[in-house]
Amino acid sequence: NKLLKTRIKTDQKRLAEVVNSKNIEEAEKNFNILSKYLDHVLKLKSSS
């Protein structure tokens, strides 16, 4: 769980950097990856 939180923080930080650099396409790609990842995690949690 700690690993998960670290991973999410890292992704959020990366996302913020991308948004700050005004690279919208890259930001959208990273956001989609993060969303899919979170969906996957939530499914795992609810199934256990």
PDB file of N, CA and C in Angstrom:
ATOM      1  N   ASN A   1       0.838  -1.209   0.000  1.00  0.00           N
ATOM      2  CA  ASN A   1       0.000   0.000   0.000  1.00  0.00           C
ATOM      3  C   ASN A   1       0.876   1.264   0.000  1.00  0.00           C
ATOM      4  N   LYS A   2       1.972   1.209   0.732  1.00  0.00           N
ATOM      5  CA  LYS A   2       2.893   2.339   0.724  1.00  0.00           C
ATOM      6  C   LYS A   2       3.475   2.537  -0.673  1.00  0.00           C
ATOM      7  N   LEU A   3       3.782   1.394  -1.309  1.00  0.00           N
ATOM      8  CA  LEU A   3       4.305   1.446  -2.673  1.00  0.00           C
ATOM      9  C   LEU A   3       3.303   2.116  -3.606  1.00  0.00           C
ATOM     10  N   LEU A   4       2.043   1.754  -3.428  1.00  0.00           N
ATOM     11  CA  LEU A   4       0.977   2.324  -4.245  1.00  0.00           C
ATOM     12  C   LEU A   4       0.906   3.835  -4.066  1.00  0.00           C
ATOM     13  N   LYS A   5       0.949   4.294  -2.818  1.00  0.00           N
ATOM     14  CA  LYS A   5       0.876   5.730  -2.547  1.00  0.00           C
ATOM     15  C   LYS A   5       2.060   6.455  -3.166  1.00  0.00           C
ATOM     16  N   THR A   6       3.230   5.843  -3.053  1.00  0.00           N
ATOM     17  CA  THR A   6       4.423   6.442  -3.652  1.00  0.00           C
ATOM     18  C   THR A   6       4.263   6.537  -5.153  1.00  0.00           C
ATOM     19  N   ARG A   7       3.737   5.474  -5.734  1.00  0.00           N
ATOM     20  CA  ARG A   7       3.540   5.425  -7.185  1.00  0.00           C
ATOM     21  C   ARG A   7       2.576   6.530  -7.627  1.00  0.00           C
ATOM     22  N   ILE A   8       1.481   6.690  -6.879  1.00  0.00           N
ATOM     23  CA  ILE A   8       0.484   7.706  -7.231  1.00  0.00           C
ATOM     24  C   ILE A   8       1.095   9.103  -7.087  1.00  0.00           C
ATOM     25  N   LYS A   9       1.845   9.321  -6.009  1.00  0.00           N
ATOM     26  CA  LYS A   9       2.487  10.620  -5.806  1.00  0.00           C
ATOM     27  C   LYS A   9       3.437  10.930  -6.948  1.00  0.00           C
ATOM     28  N   THR A  10       4.206   9.929  -7.349  1.00  0.00           N
ATOM     29  CA  THR A  10       5.159  10.109  -8.446  1.00  0.00           C
ATOM     30  C   THR A  10       4.423  10.480  -9.722  1.00  0.00           C
ATOM     31  N   ASP A  11       3.332   9.762 -10.004  1.00  0.00           N
ATOM     32  CA  ASP A  11       2.547  10.039 -11.207  1.00  0.00           C
ATOM     33  C   ASP A  11       1.957  11.443 -11.157  1.00  0.00           C
ATOM     34  N   GLN A  12       1.464  11.844  -9.987  1.00  0.00           N
ATOM     35  CA  GLN A  12       0.881  13.180  -9.852  1.00  0.00           C
ATOM     36  C   GLN A  12       1.940  14.254 -10.070  1.00  0.00           C
ATOM     37  N   LYS A  13       3.118  14.008  -9.521  1.00  0.00           N
ATOM     38  CA  LYS A  13       4.203  14.979  -9.680  1.00  0.00           C
ATOM     39  C   LYS A  13       4.585  15.098 -11.151  1.00  0.00           C
ATOM     40  N   ARG A  14       4.708  13.949 -11.812  1.00  0.00           N
ATOM     41  CA  ARG A  14       5.059  13.933 -13.232  1.00  0.00           C
ATOM     42  C   ARG A  14       3.982  14.654 -14.032  1.00  0.00           C
ATOM     43  N   LEU A  15       2.735  14.392 -13.677  1.00  0.00           N
ATOM     44  CA  LEU A  15       1.608  15.017 -14.363  1.00  0.00           C
ATOM     45  C   LEU A  15       1.671  16.536 -14.191  1.00  0.00           C
ATOM     46  N   ALA A  16       1.960  16.981 -12.979  1.00  0.00           N
ATOM     47  CA  ALA A  16       2.058  18.414 -12.712  1.00  0.00           C
ATOM     48  C   ALA A  16       3.178  19.046 -13.534  1.00  0.00           C
ATOM     49  N   GLU A  17       4.305  18.343 -13.622  1.00  0.00           N
ATOM     50  CA  GLU A  17       5.430  18.861 -14.413  1.00  0.00           C
ATOM     51  C   GLU A  17       5.035  19.006 -15.873  1.00  0.00           C
ATOM     52  N   VAL A  18       4.338  18.004 -16.377  1.00  0.00           N
ATOM     53  CA  VAL A  18       3.920  18.026 -17.779  1.00  0.00           C
ATOM     54  C   VAL A  18       2.933  19.164 -18.025  1.00  0.00           C
ATOM     55  N   VAL A  19       1.994  19.323 -17.107  1.00  0.00           N
ATOM     56  CA  VAL A  19       1.003  20.394 -17.248  1.00  0.00           C
ATOM     57  C   VAL A  19       1.704  21.752 -17.212  1.00  0.00           C
ATOM     58  N   ASN A  20       2.670  21.893 -16.318  1.00  0.00           N
ATOM     59  CA  ASN A  20       3.416  23.148 -16.226  1.00  0.00           C
ATOM     60  C   ASN A  20       4.186  23.442 -17.505  1.00  0.00           C
ATOM     61  N   SER A  21       4.615  22.400 -18.180  1.00  0.00           N
ATOM     62  CA  SER A  21       5.368  22.597 -19.420  1.00  0.00           C
ATOM     63  C   SER A  21       4.437  22.839 -20.606  1.00  0.00           C
ATOM     64  N   LYS A  22       3.131  22.829 -20.350  1.00  0.00           N
ATOM     65  CA  LYS A  22       2.121  23.139 -21.363  1.00  0.00           C
ATOM     66  C   LYS A  22       2.069  22.092 -22.481  1.00  0.00           C
ATOM     67  N   ASN A  23       2.562  20.898 -22.182  1.00  0.00           N
ATOM     68  CA  ASN A  23       2.531  19.834 -23.179  1.00  0.00           C
ATOM     69  C   ASN A  23       1.238  19.042 -22.987  1.00  0.00           C
ATOM     70  N   ILE A  24       0.161  19.536 -23.583  1.00  0.00           N
ATOM     71  CA  ILE A  24      -1.173  18.998 -23.345  1.00  0.00           C
ATOM     72  C   ILE A  24      -1.289  17.539 -23.775  1.00  0.00           C
ATOM     73  N   GLU A  25      -0.738  17.227 -24.923  1.00  0.00           N
ATOM     74  CA  GLU A  25      -0.845  15.860 -25.441  1.00  0.00           C
ATOM     75  C   GLU A  25      -0.226  14.859 -24.468  1.00  0.00           C
ATOM     76  N   GLU A  26       0.956  15.196 -23.982  1.00  0.00           N
ATOM     77  CA  GLU A  26       1.657  14.329 -23.032  1.00  0.00           C
ATOM     78  C   GLU A  26       0.880  14.238 -21.722  1.00  0.00           C
ATOM     79  N   ALA A  27       0.323  15.363 -21.294  1.00  0.00           N
ATOM     80  CA  ALA A  27      -0.451  15.384 -20.059  1.00  0.00           C
ATOM     81  C   ALA A  27      -1.666  14.469 -20.171  1.00  0.00           C
ATOM     82  N   GLU A  28      -2.344  14.537 -21.306  1.00  0.00           N
ATOM     83  CA  GLU A  28      -3.525  13.692 -21.502  1.00  0.00           C
ATOM     84  C   GLU A  28      -3.151  12.223 -21.485  1.00  0.00           C
ATOM     85  N   LYS A  29      -2.041  11.901 -22.122  1.00  0.00           N
ATOM     86  CA  LYS A  29      -1.589  10.510 -22.163  1.00  0.00           C
ATOM     87  C   LYS A  29      -1.297  10.013 -20.743  1.00  0.00           C
ATOM     88  N   ASN A  30      -0.551  10.811 -19.981  1.00  0.00           N
ATOM     89  CA  ASN A  30      -0.222  10.426 -18.611  1.00  0.00           C
ATOM     90  C   ASN A  30      -1.468  10.326 -17.750  1.00  0.00           C
ATOM     91  N   PHE A  31      -2.404  11.243 -17.956  1.00  0.00           N
ATOM     92  CA  PHE A  31      -3.638  11.226 -17.179  1.00  0.00           C
ATOM     93  C   PHE A  31      -4.431   9.958 -17.470  1.00  0.00           C
ATOM     94  N   ASN A  32      -4.497   9.579 -18.741  1.00  0.00           N
ATOM     95  CA  ASN A  32      -5.210   8.359 -19.117  1.00  0.00           C
ATOM     96  C   ASN A  32      -4.557   7.132 -18.505  1.00  0.00           C
ATOM     97  N   ILE A  33      -3.241   7.094 -18.509  1.00  0.00           N
ATOM     98  CA  ILE A  33      -2.510   5.974 -17.904  1.00  0.00           C
ATOM     99  C   ILE A  33      -2.817   5.912 -16.410  1.00  0.00           C
ATOM    100  N   LEU A  34      -2.779   7.065 -15.750  1.00  0.00           N
ATOM    101  CA  LEU A  34      -3.051   7.119 -14.317  1.00  0.00           C
ATOM    102  C   LEU A  34      -4.476   6.677 -14.019  1.00  0.00           C
ATOM    103  N   SER A  35      -5.421   7.128 -14.830  1.00  0.00           N
ATOM    104  CA  SER A  35      -6.824   6.751 -14.633  1.00  0.00           C
ATOM    105  C   SER A  35      -7.011   5.246 -14.761  1.00  0.00           C
ATOM    106  N   LYS A  36      -6.417   4.667 -15.804  1.00  0.00           N
ATOM    107  CA  LYS A  36      -6.523   3.219 -16.011  1.00  0.00           C
ATOM    108  C   LYS A  36      -5.909   2.470 -14.843  1.00  0.00           C
ATOM    109  N   TYR A  37      -4.770   2.966 -14.386  1.00  0.00           N
ATOM    110  CA  TYR A  37      -4.062   2.342 -13.272  1.00  0.00           C
ATOM    111  C   TYR A  37      -4.928   2.372 -12.008  1.00  0.00           C
ATOM    112  N   LEU A  38      -5.541   3.516 -11.738  1.00  0.00           N
ATOM    113  CA  LEU A  38      -6.392   3.640 -10.556  1.00  0.00           C
ATOM    114  C   LEU A  38      -7.627   2.758 -10.676  1.00  0.00           C
ATOM    115  N   ASP A  39      -8.226   2.700 -11.856  1.00  0.00           N
ATOM    116  CA  ASP A  39      -9.370   1.813 -12.085  1.00  0.00           C
ATOM    117  C   ASP A  39      -8.984   0.381 -11.761  1.00  0.00           C
ATOM    118  N   HIS A  40      -7.831  -0.028 -12.245  1.00  0.00           N
ATOM    119  CA  HIS A  40      -7.327  -1.382 -12.035  1.00  0.00           C
ATOM    120  C   HIS A  40      -7.169  -1.660 -10.535  1.00  0.00           C
ATOM    121  N   VAL A  41      -6.581  -0.716  -9.821  1.00  0.00           N
ATOM    122  CA  VAL A  41      -6.355  -0.870  -8.382  1.00  0.00           C
ATOM    123  C   VAL A  41      -7.685  -0.968  -7.638  1.00  0.00           C
ATOM    124  N   LEU A  42      -8.631  -0.118  -8.001  1.00  0.00           N
ATOM    125  CA  LEU A  42      -9.931  -0.140  -7.332  1.00  0.00           C
ATOM    126  C   LEU A  42     -10.649  -1.459  -7.570  1.00  0.00           C
ATOM    127  N   LYS A  43     -10.532  -1.994  -8.778  1.00  0.00           N
ATOM    128  CA  LYS A  43     -11.147  -3.290  -9.082  1.00  0.00           C
ATOM    129  C   LYS A  43     -10.529  -4.383  -8.230  1.00  0.00           C
ATOM    130  N   LEU A  44      -9.212  -4.344  -8.075  1.00  0.00           N
ATOM    131  CA  LEU A  44      -8.526  -5.338  -7.255  1.00  0.00           C
ATOM    132  C   LEU A  44      -8.996  -5.247  -5.810  1.00  0.00           C
ATOM    133  N   LYS A  45      -9.135  -4.037  -5.304  1.00  0.00           N
ATOM    134  CA  LYS A  45      -9.561  -3.844  -3.918  1.00  0.00           C
ATOM    135  C   LYS A  45     -10.983  -4.337  -3.707  1.00  0.00           C
ATOM    136  N   SER A  46     -11.875  -4.016  -4.627  1.00  0.00           N
ATOM    137  CA  SER A  46     -13.282  -4.382  -4.451  1.00  0.00           C
ATOM    138  C   SER A  46     -13.502  -5.880  -4.624  1.00  0.00           C
ATOM    139  N   SER A  47     -12.626  -6.543  -5.372  1.00  0.00           N
ATOM    140  CA  SER A  47     -12.804  -7.976  -5.610  1.00  0.00           C
ATOM    141  C   SER A  47     -12.252  -8.808  -4.458  1.00  0.00           C
ATOM    142  N   SER A  48     -11.387  -8.215  -3.629  1.00  0.00           N
ATOM    143  CA  SER A  48     -10.781  -8.991  -2.545  1.00  0.00           C
ATOM    144  C   SER A  48     -11.655  -9.025  -1.306  1.00  0.00           C
TER     145      SER A  48
END
